[in-house]
Amino acid sequence: MKKLILFVMALSVPFFLNAEVIKTIYSKAGTLFSKMTGAELATVTDLVLSGTIDARDFVTIRDKMIRVKRIDLSNAYISYYMGTDGTTPFNIQYPPNAIPVNAFINNNVAKTSLVSIILPNSVTTIGVCAFYECKGLIGIRLPKSVTTIGDGAFQGCSGLSGRLIIPDSVILIKNCAFQGCKSLTGVSIPNSVSSIGDQAFGGCSGLTSLTIPHSVTSIGNSAFAVCSGLTNLSIPYSVTYIGTQAFWGCIGLTSIYANSIQPINLNSSQNVFSNIIKTTCTLYVPNGSKKYYSSSNQWKDFLNTVEMLATVSTVNNTDINSLNLCTDKGLK
């Protein structure tokens, strides 16, 4: 009988380890850890939080809840906190309505168990490296309240797939925001965005569709480097600056639509179109402007330049490993 009991217990261990455990908590900022038992911290897979939380509670989720996969913060409010017990070891301010810096990465160890998260509708900022290297994260819906996507916010989230819809509220897409998200197939950048940061979408090799709106005036260094799945690219007439290696390694491009009558000056930007096959990629330019492009730095390297009768506002575009273009792994 004793052997039978031990055998049953041995069979039960994997079941309990794989069981989905849901925990719903109404919290007060900084108290999440005290509201959970050690067993709950070790076993909860689905966490539903309401009330107020702050950077200290993100530490509990990140470092103590080892199996958490799904988080629902839709009824939670992120409040202000200042101190050394937040998501960095520094005595800094964590603003309200912001997913804090390093929310799900600690000492280069990311929260790879995280599969999905529902953000509060009051969130305005996704902090620096908030979801850095959360490779298990398969989707994200950004609330219409978000205005800023911080440096490296989703860098290395290689599990993010499908089309990314960036809401019209977003003003800033900062450096490396989505670098290395190689499973994304499409990105729609809203008309509210005026600049795209350095390496913002570098290494997103799965992108086949990209929309850059007329509000954008600046495309940063390596912003779309190694987006090798793109076949078509439209650069709006509003763009006045393209950084070094902005489209480096976009080897799938067969057509580029440059909508500015006067070519964008690339004298201060190196290798903007390097590793694009310029013998087969056609450069389309406004009617009457071919002579300008054919004598301008880097634009003249395209062997097939064709004038078009009208400007093209947007074009839909159709694995190599993502480049580690950003080396910052969060604040340490």
C-alpha atoms as a PDB file:
ATOM      1  CA  MET A   1       0.000   0.000   0.000  1.00  0.00           C
ATOM      2  CA  LYS A   2       2.803   2.379   0.873  1.00  0.00           C
ATOM      3  CA  LYS A   3       4.424   1.784  -2.520  1.00  0.00           C
ATOM      4  CA  LEU A   4       1.085   2.454  -4.206  1.00  0.00           C
ATOM      5  CA  ILE A   5       0.653   5.757  -2.376  1.00  0.00           C
ATOM      6  CA  LEU A   6       4.186   6.841  -3.330  1.00  0.00           C
ATOM      7  CA  PHE A   7       3.494   5.852  -6.926  1.00  0.00           C
ATOM      8  CA  VAL A   8       0.273   7.918  -7.003  1.00  0.00           C
ATOM      9  CA  MET A   9       2.069  10.877  -5.449  1.00  0.00           C
ATOM     10  CA  ALA A  10       4.835  10.625  -8.050  1.00  0.00           C
ATOM     11  CA  LEU A  11       2.254  10.705 -10.821  1.00  0.00           C
ATOM     12  CA  SER A  12       0.509  13.676  -9.215  1.00  0.00           C
ATOM     13  CA  VAL A  13       3.601  15.923  -9.044  1.00  0.00           C
ATOM     14  CA  PRO A  14       3.725  16.693 -12.802  1.00  0.00           C
ATOM     15  CA  PHE A  15      -0.011  17.356 -12.773  1.00  0.00           C
ATOM     16  CA  PHE A  16       0.250  19.967 -10.041  1.00  0.00           C
ATOM     17  CA  LEU A  17       3.310  21.514 -11.647  1.00  0.00           C
ATOM     18  CA  ASN A  18       1.439  21.917 -14.938  1.00  0.00           C
ATOM     19  CA  ALA A  19      -1.898  22.983 -13.455  1.00  0.00           C
ATOM     20  CA  GLU A  20      -3.200  26.454 -14.257  1.00  0.00           C
ATOM     21  CA  VAL A  21      -3.646  28.448 -11.060  1.00  0.00           C
ATOM     22  CA  ILE A  22      -5.646  31.694 -11.117  1.00  0.00           C
ATOM     23  CA  LYS A  23      -5.321  34.372  -8.440  1.00  0.00           C
ATOM     24  CA  THR A  24      -7.471  37.520  -8.229  1.00  0.00           C
ATOM     25  CA  ILE A  25      -6.305  40.254  -5.878  1.00  0.00           C
ATOM     26  CA  TYR A  26      -7.492  43.722  -4.970  1.00  0.00           C
ATOM     27  CA  SER A  27      -4.266  45.458  -4.092  1.00  0.00           C
ATOM     28  CA  LYS A  28      -2.934  48.589  -2.488  1.00  0.00           C
ATOM     29  CA  ALA A  29       0.317  49.914  -3.910  1.00  0.00           C
ATOM     30  CA  GLY A  30       3.330  48.016  -2.609  1.00  0.00           C
ATOM     31  CA  THR A  31       1.392  45.236  -0.850  1.00  0.00           C
ATOM     32  CA  LEU A  32       1.120  42.477  -3.456  1.00  0.00           C
ATOM     33  CA  PHE A  33       3.872  40.353  -1.929  1.00  0.00           C
ATOM     34  CA  SER A  34       2.186  40.379   1.491  1.00  0.00           C
ATOM     35  CA  LYS A  35      -1.129  39.277  -0.009  1.00  0.00           C
ATOM     36  CA  MET A  36       0.269  36.026  -1.428  1.00  0.00           C
ATOM     37  CA  THR A  37       1.496  32.859   0.246  1.00  0.00           C
ATOM     38  CA  GLY A  38       4.748  31.210  -0.708  1.00  0.00           C
ATOM     39  CA  ALA A  39       2.810  28.444  -2.438  1.00  0.00           C
ATOM     40  CA  GLU A  40       0.838  30.986  -4.479  1.00  0.00           C
ATOM     41  CA  LEU A  41       3.969  32.816  -5.522  1.00  0.00           C
ATOM     42  CA  ALA A  42       5.380  29.517  -6.757  1.00  0.00           C
ATOM     43  CA  THR A  43       2.295  28.209  -8.557  1.00  0.00           C
ATOM     44  CA  VAL A  44       0.067  31.043  -9.849  1.00  0.00           C
ATOM     45  CA  THR A  45      -0.078  31.129 -13.654  1.00  0.00           C
ATOM     46  CA  ASP A  46      -2.866  33.689 -14.108  1.00  0.00           C
ATOM     47  CA  LEU A  47      -2.863  36.904 -12.102  1.00  0.00           C
ATOM     48  CA  VAL A  48      -5.750  39.376 -12.078  1.00  0.00           C
ATOM     49  CA  LEU A  49      -4.967  42.617 -10.253  1.00  0.00           C
ATOM     50  CA  SER A  50      -7.231  45.543  -9.428  1.00  0.00           C
ATOM     51  CA  GLY A  51      -6.806  48.532  -7.149  1.00  0.00           C
ATOM     52  CA  THR A  52      -3.452  50.348  -7.110  1.00  0.00           C
ATOM     53  CA  ILE A  53       0.012  48.976  -7.801  1.00  0.00           C
ATOM     54  CA  ASP A  54       3.470  50.467  -8.173  1.00  0.00           C
ATOM     55  CA  ALA A  55       7.032  49.501  -9.111  1.00  0.00           C
ATOM     56  CA  ARG A  56       7.385  47.369  -5.971  1.00  0.00           C
ATOM     57  CA  ASP A  57       4.535  45.148  -7.085  1.00  0.00           C
ATOM     58  CA  PHE A  58       6.159  44.673 -10.477  1.00  0.00           C
ATOM     59  CA  VAL A  59       9.204  43.366  -8.585  1.00  0.00           C
ATOM     60  CA  THR A  60       6.989  40.749  -6.924  1.00  0.00           C
ATOM     61  CA  ILE A  61       5.552  39.665 -10.267  1.00  0.00           C
ATOM     62  CA  ARG A  62       8.940  39.673 -11.998  1.00  0.00           C
ATOM     63  CA  ASP A  63      11.122  38.030  -9.354  1.00  0.00           C
ATOM     64  CA  LYS A  64       8.799  36.026  -7.097  1.00  0.00           C
ATOM     65  CA  MET A  65       6.026  34.695  -9.326  1.00  0.00           C
ATOM     66  CA  ILE A  66       8.064  32.135 -11.189  1.00  0.00           C
ATOM     67  CA  ARG A  67       5.246  30.544 -13.233  1.00  0.00           C
ATOM     68  CA  VAL A  68       3.027  33.495 -14.075  1.00  0.00           C
ATOM     69  CA  LYS A  69       1.987  33.456 -17.737  1.00  0.00           C
ATOM     70  CA  ARG A  70      -0.978  35.760 -18.040  1.00  0.00           C
ATOM     71  CA  ILE A  71      -1.507  39.074 -16.253  1.00  0.00           C
ATOM     72  CA  ASP A  72      -4.668  41.186 -16.282  1.00  0.00           C
ATOM     73  CA  LEU A  73      -4.132  44.783 -15.133  1.00  0.00           C
ATOM     74  CA  SER A  74      -7.187  46.179 -16.892  1.00  0.00           C
ATOM     75  CA  ASN A  75      -8.722  47.326 -13.589  1.00  0.00           C
ATOM     76  CA  ALA A  76      -5.485  48.376 -11.932  1.00  0.00           C
ATOM     77  CA  TYR A  77      -3.980  51.840 -11.590  1.00  0.00           C
ATOM     78  CA  ILE A  78      -0.203  52.282 -11.557  1.00  0.00           C
ATOM     79  CA  SER A  79       0.710  54.881  -8.957  1.00  0.00           C
ATOM     80  CA  TYR A  80       3.809  56.977  -8.301  1.00  0.00           C
ATOM     81  CA  TYR A  81       6.666  55.503  -6.295  1.00  0.00           C
ATOM     82  CA  MET A  82      10.127  56.719  -5.326  1.00  0.00           C
ATOM     83  CA  GLY A  83      12.712  54.560  -3.626  1.00  0.00           C
ATOM     84  CA  THR A  84      15.174  51.684  -3.913  1.00  0.00           C
ATOM     85  CA  ASP A  85      12.636  48.852  -3.797  1.00  0.00           C
ATOM     86  CA  GLY A  86      11.416  49.305  -7.355  1.00  0.00           C
ATOM     87  CA  THR A  87      12.458  47.544 -10.530  1.00  0.00           C
ATOM     88  CA  THR A  88      15.975  49.020 -10.446  1.00  0.00           C
ATOM     89  CA  PRO A  89      18.363  49.168  -7.474  1.00  0.00           C
ATOM     90  CA  PHE A  90      18.501  52.948  -7.679  1.00  0.00           C
ATOM     91  CA  ASN A  91      16.647  55.541  -5.658  1.00  0.00           C
ATOM     92  CA  ILE A  92      14.622  56.909  -8.558  1.00  0.00           C
ATOM     93  CA  GLN A  93      11.151  58.161  -9.298  1.00  0.00           C
ATOM     94  CA  TYR A  94       8.669  55.856 -11.005  1.00  0.00           C
ATOM     95  CA  PRO A  95       5.964  58.016 -12.565  1.00  0.00           C
ATOM     96  CA  PRO A  96       2.285  57.120 -12.406  1.00  0.00           C
ATOM     97  CA  ASN A  97       0.534  55.527 -15.381  1.00  0.00           C
ATOM     98  CA  ALA A  98       3.787  53.995 -16.605  1.00  0.00           C
ATOM     99  CA  ILE A  99       4.961  50.422 -16.980  1.00  0.00           C
ATOM    100  CA  PRO A 100       8.215  50.875 -15.061  1.00  0.00           C
ATOM    101  CA  VAL A 101      11.723  50.611 -16.428  1.00  0.00           C
ATOM    102  CA  ASN A 102      12.959  46.987 -16.340  1.00  0.00           C
ATOM    103  CA  ALA A 103       9.466  45.840 -15.384  1.00  0.00           C
ATOM    104  CA  PHE A 104      10.109  42.284 -16.554  1.00  0.00           C
ATOM    105  CA  ILE A 105      13.896  41.967 -16.697  1.00  0.00           C
ATOM    106  CA  ASN A 106      16.316  41.772 -13.788  1.00  0.00           C
ATOM    107  CA  ASN A 107      20.099  41.421 -14.115  1.00  0.00           C
ATOM    108  CA  ASN A 108      19.696  40.361 -17.747  1.00  0.00           C
ATOM    109  CA  VAL A 109      17.205  37.629 -16.796  1.00  0.00           C
ATOM    110  CA  ALA A 110      13.916  38.263 -18.597  1.00  0.00           C
ATOM    111  CA  LYS A 111      10.431  37.066 -17.665  1.00  0.00           C
ATOM    112  CA  THR A 112      10.250  34.457 -20.408  1.00  0.00           C
ATOM    113  CA  SER A 113       7.223  32.777 -18.803  1.00  0.00           C
ATOM    114  CA  LEU A 114       5.066  35.808 -19.653  1.00  0.00           C
ATOM    115  CA  VAL A 115       2.676  35.005 -22.510  1.00  0.00           C
ATOM    116  CA  SER A 116       0.152  37.842 -22.357  1.00  0.00           C
ATOM    117  CA  ILE A 117      -0.628  40.992 -20.406  1.00  0.00           C
ATOM    118  CA  ILE A 118      -3.624  43.320 -20.445  1.00  0.00           C
ATOM    119  CA  LEU A 119      -2.462  46.844 -19.666  1.00  0.00           C
ATOM    120  CA  PRO A 120      -4.488  49.458 -17.791  1.00  0.00           C
ATOM    121  CA  ASN A 121      -6.335  51.907 -20.037  1.00  0.00           C
ATOM    122  CA  SER A 122      -4.664  54.729 -18.093  1.00  0.00           C
ATOM    123  CA  VAL A 123      -1.096  53.780 -19.099  1.00  0.00           C
ATOM    124  CA  THR A 124       0.711  56.559 -20.964  1.00  0.00           C
ATOM    125  CA  THR A 125       4.278  55.214 -21.056  1.00  0.00           C
ATOM    126  CA  ILE A 126       5.936  51.868 -21.689  1.00  0.00           C
ATOM    127  CA  GLY A 127       9.197  52.284 -19.789  1.00  0.00           C
ATOM    128  CA  VAL A 128      12.778  51.634 -20.840  1.00  0.00           C
ATOM    129  CA  CYS A 129      13.390  47.894 -21.388  1.00  0.00           C
ATOM    130  CA  ALA A 130      10.026  47.143 -19.761  1.00  0.00           C
ATOM    131  CA  PHE A 131       9.498  43.885 -21.687  1.00  0.00           C
ATOM    132  CA  TYR A 132      13.089  43.373 -22.814  1.00  0.00           C
ATOM    133  CA  GLU A 133      13.707  39.808 -24.080  1.00  0.00           C
ATOM    134  CA  CYS A 134      10.267  38.545 -22.988  1.00  0.00           C
ATOM    135  CA  LYS A 135      10.452  35.926 -25.710  1.00  0.00           C
ATOM    136  CA  GLY A 136       7.280  34.150 -24.582  1.00  0.00           C
ATOM    137  CA  LEU A 137       5.104  37.231 -25.085  1.00  0.00           C
ATOM    138  CA  ILE A 138       2.983  36.450 -28.144  1.00  0.00           C
ATOM    139  CA  GLY A 139       0.838  39.562 -28.394  1.00  0.00           C
ATOM    140  CA  ILE A 140       0.307  43.021 -26.968  1.00  0.00           C
ATOM    141  CA  ARG A 141      -2.540  45.498 -27.225  1.00  0.00           C
ATOM    142  CA  LEU A 142      -1.354  49.008 -26.539  1.00  0.00           C
ATOM    143  CA  PRO A 143      -4.100  51.165 -24.963  1.00  0.00           C
ATOM    144  CA  LYS A 144      -5.133  54.356 -26.708  1.00  0.00           C
ATOM    145  CA  SER A 145      -3.738  56.273 -23.745  1.00  0.00           C
ATOM    146  CA  VAL A 146      -0.100  55.364 -24.571  1.00  0.00           C
ATOM    147  CA  THR A 147       1.977  58.291 -25.836  1.00  0.00           C
ATOM    148  CA  THR A 148       5.538  56.982 -25.430  1.00  0.00           C
ATOM    149  CA  ILE A 149       7.145  53.634 -26.197  1.00  0.00           C
ATOM    150  CA  GLY A 150      10.487  53.802 -24.434  1.00  0.00           C
ATOM    151  CA  ASP A 151      13.990  52.709 -25.408  1.00  0.00           C
ATOM    152  CA  GLY A 152      14.140  48.930 -25.775  1.00  0.00           C
ATOM    153  CA  ALA A 153      10.592  48.561 -24.460  1.00  0.00           C
ATOM    154  CA  PHE A 154       9.908  45.390 -26.474  1.00  0.00           C
ATOM    155  CA  GLN A 155      13.430  44.706 -27.691  1.00  0.00           C
ATOM    156  CA  GLY A 156      14.051  41.011 -28.303  1.00  0.00           C
ATOM    157  CA  CYS A 157      10.389  39.995 -27.911  1.00  0.00           C
ATOM    158  CA  SER A 158      10.799  37.451 -30.683  1.00  0.00           C
ATOM    159  CA  GLY A 159       7.460  35.781 -29.899  1.00  0.00           C
ATOM    160  CA  LEU A 160       5.383  38.855 -30.754  1.00  0.00           C
ATOM    161  CA  SER A 161       3.593  37.904 -33.943  1.00  0.00           C
ATOM    162  CA  GLY A 162       1.040  39.202 -36.421  1.00  0.00           C
ATOM    163  CA  ARG A 163       0.374  42.841 -37.181  1.00  0.00           C
ATOM    164  CA  LEU A 164       1.337  45.429 -34.601  1.00  0.00           C
ATOM    165  CA  ILE A 165      -1.181  48.245 -34.297  1.00  0.00           C
ATOM    166  CA  ILE A 166       0.347  51.310 -32.688  1.00  0.00           C
ATOM    167  CA  PRO A 167      -2.473  53.578 -31.441  1.00  0.00           C
ATOM    168  CA  ASP A 168      -2.957  57.149 -32.640  1.00  0.00           C
ATOM    169  CA  SER A 169      -2.070  58.439 -29.184  1.00  0.00           C
ATOM    170  CA  VAL A 170       1.598  57.443 -29.575  1.00  0.00           C
ATOM    171  CA  ILE A 171       3.952  60.350 -30.228  1.00  0.00           C
ATOM    172  CA  LEU A 172       7.362  58.766 -29.608  1.00  0.00           C
ATOM    173  CA  ILE A 173       8.766  55.418 -30.728  1.00  0.00           C
ATOM    174  CA  LYS A 174      12.179  55.497 -29.127  1.00  0.00           C
ATOM    175  CA  ASN A 175      15.443  53.710 -29.869  1.00  0.00           C
ATOM    176  CA  CYS A 176      15.306  49.917 -30.144  1.00  0.00           C
ATOM    177  CA  ALA A 177      11.636  49.919 -29.115  1.00  0.00           C
ATOM    178  CA  PHE A 178      10.839  46.798 -31.161  1.00  0.00           C
ATOM    179  CA  GLN A 179      14.323  45.736 -32.240  1.00  0.00           C
ATOM    180  CA  GLY A 180      14.569  42.000 -32.848  1.00  0.00           C
ATOM    181  CA  CYS A 181      10.812  41.314 -32.898  1.00  0.00           C
ATOM    182  CA  LYS A 182      11.386  38.990 -35.831  1.00  0.00           C
ATOM    183  CA  SER A 183       7.937  37.331 -35.738  1.00  0.00           C
ATOM    184  CA  LEU A 184       6.017  40.543 -36.409  1.00  0.00           C
ATOM    185  CA  THR A 185       4.543  40.465 -39.902  1.00  0.00           C
ATOM    186  CA  GLY A 186       3.138  43.986 -40.112  1.00  0.00           C
ATOM    187  CA  VAL A 187       3.439  47.401 -38.469  1.00  0.00           C
ATOM    188  CA  SER A 188       1.085  50.357 -38.757  1.00  0.00           C
ATOM    189  CA  ILE A 189       2.676  53.564 -37.514  1.00  0.00           C
ATOM    190  CA  PRO A 190       0.051  56.244 -36.744  1.00  0.00           C
ATOM    191  CA  ASN A 191      -0.106  59.810 -38.019  1.00  0.00           C
ATOM    192  CA  SER A 192       0.781  61.074 -34.544  1.00  0.00           C
ATOM    193  CA  VAL A 193       4.412  59.892 -34.832  1.00  0.00           C
ATOM    194  CA  SER A 194       6.963  62.372 -36.207  1.00  0.00           C
ATOM    195  CA  SER A 195      10.184  60.420 -35.685  1.00  0.00           C
ATOM    196  CA  ILE A 196      11.200  56.785 -35.611  1.00  0.00           C
ATOM    197  CA  GLY A 197      14.097  56.107 -33.255  1.00  0.00           C
ATOM    198  CA  ASP A 198      17.436  54.486 -33.964  1.00  0.00           C
ATOM    199  CA  GLN A 199      17.074  50.713 -34.500  1.00  0.00           C
ATOM    200  CA  ALA A 200      13.400  50.981 -33.545  1.00  0.00           C
ATOM    201  CA  PHE A 201      12.438  48.058 -35.794  1.00  0.00           C
ATOM    202  CA  GLY A 202      15.903  46.751 -36.633  1.00  0.00           C
ATOM    203  CA  GLY A 203      16.041  42.998 -37.095  1.00  0.00           C
ATOM    204  CA  CYS A 204      12.268  42.604 -37.585  1.00  0.00           C
ATOM    205  CA  SER A 205      12.984  40.153 -40.362  1.00  0.00           C
ATOM    206  CA  GLY A 206       9.407  38.833 -40.529  1.00  0.00           C
ATOM    207  CA  LEU A 207       7.895  42.167 -41.547  1.00  0.00           C
ATOM    208  CA  THR A 208       6.102  41.940 -44.863  1.00  0.00           C
ATOM    209  CA  SER A 209       3.924  45.020 -44.412  1.00  0.00           C
ATOM    210  CA  LEU A 210       4.992  48.472 -43.266  1.00  0.00           C
ATOM    211  CA  THR A 211       3.116  51.758 -43.257  1.00  0.00           C
ATOM    212  CA  ILE A 212       5.082  54.965 -42.635  1.00  0.00           C
ATOM    213  CA  PRO A 213       2.672  57.934 -42.418  1.00  0.00           C
ATOM    214  CA  HIS A 214       3.096  61.466 -43.750  1.00  0.00           C
ATOM    215  CA  SER A 215       3.611  62.770 -40.219  1.00  0.00           C
ATOM    216  CA  VAL A 216       7.074  61.187 -40.025  1.00  0.00           C
ATOM    217  CA  THR A 217       9.939  63.566 -40.720  1.00  0.00           C
ATOM    218  CA  SER A 218      12.865  61.559 -39.346  1.00  0.00           C
ATOM    219  CA  ILE A 219      13.880  57.902 -39.684  1.00  0.00           C
ATOM    220  CA  GLY A 220      16.702  57.014 -37.299  1.00  0.00           C
ATOM    221  CA  ASN A 221      19.929  55.078 -37.718  1.00  0.00           C
ATOM    222  CA  SER A 222      19.295  51.400 -38.540  1.00  0.00           C
ATOM    223  CA  ALA A 223      15.597  52.000 -37.912  1.00  0.00           C
ATOM    224  CA  PHE A 224      14.591  49.182 -40.262  1.00  0.00           C
ATOM    225  CA  ALA A 225      17.899  47.401 -40.724  1.00  0.00           C
ATOM    226  CA  VAL A 226      17.622  43.704 -41.593  1.00  0.00           C
ATOM    227  CA  CYS A 227      13.878  43.871 -42.231  1.00  0.00           C
ATOM    228  CA  SER A 228      14.588  41.276 -44.877  1.00  0.00           C
ATOM    229  CA  GLY A 229      10.939  40.307 -45.443  1.00  0.00           C
ATOM    230  CA  LEU A 230       9.957  43.687 -46.890  1.00  0.00           C
ATOM    231  CA  THR A 231       9.452  43.700 -50.648  1.00  0.00           C
ATOM    232  CA  ASN A 232       8.044  47.215 -51.074  1.00  0.00           C
ATOM    233  CA  LEU A 233       8.822  50.444 -49.258  1.00  0.00           C
ATOM    234  CA  SER A 234       7.210  53.859 -49.486  1.00  0.00           C
ATOM    235  CA  ILE A 235       9.077  56.849 -48.054  1.00  0.00           C
ATOM    236  CA  PRO A 236       6.642  59.754 -47.564  1.00  0.00           C
ATOM    237  CA  TYR A 237       7.429  63.213 -48.919  1.00  0.00           C
ATOM    238  CA  SER A 238       7.353  64.485 -45.307  1.00  0.00           C
ATOM    239  CA  VAL A 239      10.613  62.671 -44.450  1.00  0.00           C
ATOM    240  CA  THR A 240      13.573  65.052 -44.413  1.00  0.00           C
ATOM    241  CA  TYR A 241      16.127  62.868 -42.625  1.00  0.00           C
ATOM    242  CA  ILE A 242      17.133  59.226 -42.985  1.00  0.00           C
ATOM    243  CA  GLY A 243      19.873  57.942 -40.684  1.00  0.00           C
ATOM    244  CA  THR A 244      22.885  55.748 -41.295  1.00  0.00           C
ATOM    245  CA  GLN A 245      22.050  52.157 -42.292  1.00  0.00           C
ATOM    246  CA  ALA A 246      18.336  52.892 -41.931  1.00  0.00           C
ATOM    247  CA  PHE A 247      17.435  50.161 -44.442  1.00  0.00           C
ATOM    248  CA  TRP A 248      20.663  48.186 -44.357  1.00  0.00           C
ATOM    249  CA  GLY A 249      20.143  44.503 -45.129  1.00  0.00           C
ATOM    250  CA  CYS A 250      16.571  44.811 -46.449  1.00  0.00           C
ATOM    251  CA  ILE A 251      17.531  42.238 -49.048  1.00  0.00           C
ATOM    252  CA  GLY A 252      13.958  41.417 -50.068  1.00  0.00           C
ATOM    253  CA  LEU A 253      13.146  44.882 -51.404  1.00  0.00           C
ATOM    254  CA  THR A 254      12.139  44.932 -55.056  1.00  0.00           C
ATOM    255  CA  SER A 255      10.699  48.451 -55.127  1.00  0.00           C
ATOM    256  CA  ILE A 256      11.198  51.693 -53.223  1.00  0.00           C
ATOM    257  CA  TYR A 257       8.839  54.656 -53.668  1.00  0.00           C
ATOM    258  CA  ALA A 258      10.560  57.952 -52.847  1.00  0.00           C
ATOM    259  CA  ASN A 259       7.801  60.552 -52.790  1.00  0.00           C
ATOM    260  CA  SER A 260       9.897  63.693 -52.359  1.00  0.00           C
ATOM    261  CA  ILE A 261      10.599  65.644 -55.559  1.00  0.00           C
ATOM    262  CA  GLN A 262      14.028  66.610 -54.269  1.00  0.00           C
ATOM    263  CA  PRO A 263      16.025  63.617 -53.002  1.00  0.00           C
ATOM    264  CA  ILE A 264      16.587  63.468 -49.254  1.00  0.00           C
ATOM    265  CA  ASN A 265      20.175  64.530 -48.580  1.00  0.00           C
ATOM    266  CA  LEU A 266      22.103  61.445 -47.454  1.00  0.00           C
ATOM    267  CA  ASN A 267      25.546  63.020 -47.280  1.00  0.00           C
ATOM    268  CA  SER A 268      25.680  62.712 -43.498  1.00  0.00           C
ATOM    269  CA  SER A 269      24.204  59.200 -43.421  1.00  0.00           C
ATOM    270  CA  GLN A 270      26.267  56.225 -44.488  1.00  0.00           C
ATOM    271  CA  ASN A 271      25.121  52.972 -46.094  1.00  0.00           C
ATOM    272  CA  VAL A 272      21.422  53.827 -45.956  1.00  0.00           C
ATOM    273  CA  PHE A 273      20.584  51.207 -48.590  1.00  0.00           C
ATOM    274  CA  SER A 274      23.545  48.850 -48.225  1.00  0.00           C
ATOM    275  CA  ASN A 275      22.895  45.161 -48.893  1.00  0.00           C
ATOM    276  CA  ILE A 276      19.857  45.962 -51.002  1.00  0.00           C
ATOM    277  CA  ILE A 277      20.145  44.443 -54.467  1.00  0.00           C
ATOM    278  CA  LYS A 278      20.188  47.627 -56.495  1.00  0.00           C
ATOM    279  CA  THR A 279      20.239  45.819 -59.835  1.00  0.00           C
ATOM    280  CA  THR A 280      16.771  44.355 -59.242  1.00  0.00           C
ATOM    281  CA  CYS A 281      15.214  46.838 -56.792  1.00  0.00           C
ATOM    282  CA  THR A 282      13.409  49.583 -58.717  1.00  0.00           C
ATOM    283  CA  LEU A 283      13.466  53.121 -57.360  1.00  0.00           C
ATOM    284  CA  TYR A 284      10.251  55.001 -58.171  1.00  0.00           C
ATOM    285  CA  VAL A 285      10.461  58.796 -58.009  1.00  0.00           C
ATOM    286  CA  PRO A 286       8.063  61.696 -58.756  1.00  0.00           C
ATOM    287  CA  ASN A 287       7.533  62.747 -62.331  1.00  0.00           C
ATOM    288  CA  GLY A 288      10.338  65.039 -63.518  1.00  0.00           C
ATOM    289  CA  SER A 289      12.742  64.228 -60.663  1.00  0.00           C
ATOM    290  CA  LYS A 290      14.723  61.308 -62.077  1.00  0.00           C
ATOM    291  CA  LYS A 291      17.594  63.631 -63.036  1.00  0.00           C
ATOM    292  CA  TYR A 292      17.945  64.739 -59.404  1.00  0.00           C
ATOM    293  CA  TYR A 293      17.973  61.211 -57.992  1.00  0.00           C
ATOM    294  CA  SER A 294      20.357  59.954 -60.654  1.00  0.00           C
ATOM    295  CA  SER A 295      23.000  62.424 -59.468  1.00  0.00           C
ATOM    296  CA  SER A 296      22.417  62.285 -55.688  1.00  0.00           C
ATOM    297  CA  ASN A 297      24.499  60.461 -53.112  1.00  0.00           C
ATOM    298  CA  GLN A 298      23.334  56.824 -52.678  1.00  0.00           C
ATOM    299  CA  TRP A 299      20.128  57.350 -54.657  1.00  0.00           C
ATOM    300  CA  LYS A 300      22.153  57.193 -57.839  1.00  0.00           C
ATOM    301  CA  ASP A 301      23.286  53.644 -56.979  1.00  0.00           C
ATOM    302  CA  PHE A 302      19.926  52.206 -58.051  1.00  0.00           C
ATOM    303  CA  LEU A 303      20.241  51.032 -61.633  1.00  0.00           C
ATOM    304  CA  ASN A 304      16.507  51.169 -62.328  1.00  0.00           C
ATOM    305  CA  THR A 305      14.962  54.559 -61.564  1.00  0.00           C
ATOM    306  CA  VAL A 306      11.437  55.091 -62.867  1.00  0.00           C
ATOM    307  CA  GLU A 307       9.354  58.256 -62.766  1.00  0.00           C
ATOM    308  CA  MET A 308       5.780  57.913 -61.539  1.00  0.00           C
ATOM    309  CA  LEU A 309       2.892  60.239 -62.345  1.00  0.00           C
ATOM    310  CA  ALA A 310       1.687  60.553 -58.743  1.00  0.00           C
ATOM    311  CA  THR A 311       3.148  60.068 -55.270  1.00  0.00           C
ATOM    312  CA  VAL A 312       2.433  56.854 -53.436  1.00  0.00           C
ATOM    313  CA  SER A 313       1.336  57.401 -49.837  1.00  0.00           C
ATOM    314  CA  THR A 314       1.560  53.836 -48.551  1.00  0.00           C
ATOM    315  CA  VAL A 315       2.538  50.466 -49.944  1.00  0.00           C
ATOM    316  CA  ASN A 316       2.133  47.001 -48.429  1.00  0.00           C
ATOM    317  CA  ASN A 317       5.450  45.182 -48.174  1.00  0.00           C
ATOM    318  CA  THR A 318       6.003  41.083 -48.165  1.00  0.00           C
ATOM    319  CA  ASP A 319      14.855  34.439 -41.809  1.00  0.00           C
ATOM    320  CA  ILE A 320      17.754  35.739 -41.063  1.00  0.00           C
ATOM    321  CA  ASN A 321      18.496  36.135 -37.377  1.00  0.00           C
ATOM    322  CA  SER A 322      17.890  39.590 -35.934  1.00  0.00           C
ATOM    323  CA  LEU A 323      20.921  41.730 -35.297  1.00  0.00           C
ATOM    324  CA  ASN A 324      21.753  42.583 -31.728  1.00  0.00           C
ATOM    325  CA  LEU A 325      21.855  46.238 -32.684  1.00  0.00           C
ATOM    326  CA  CYS A 326      21.225  47.451 -29.151  1.00  0.00           C
ATOM    327  CA  THR A 327      23.464  46.144 -26.413  1.00  0.00           C
ATOM    328  CA  ASP A 328      21.803  47.909 -23.478  1.00  0.00           C
ATOM    329  CA  LYS A 329      20.044  45.280 -21.377  1.00  0.00           C
ATOM    330  CA  GLY A 330      18.316  47.713 -19.058  1.00  0.00           C
ATOM    331  CA  LEU A 331      19.440  49.665 -16.047  1.00  0.00           C
ATOM    332  CA  LYS A 332      21.634  47.637 -13.740  1.00  0.00           C
END
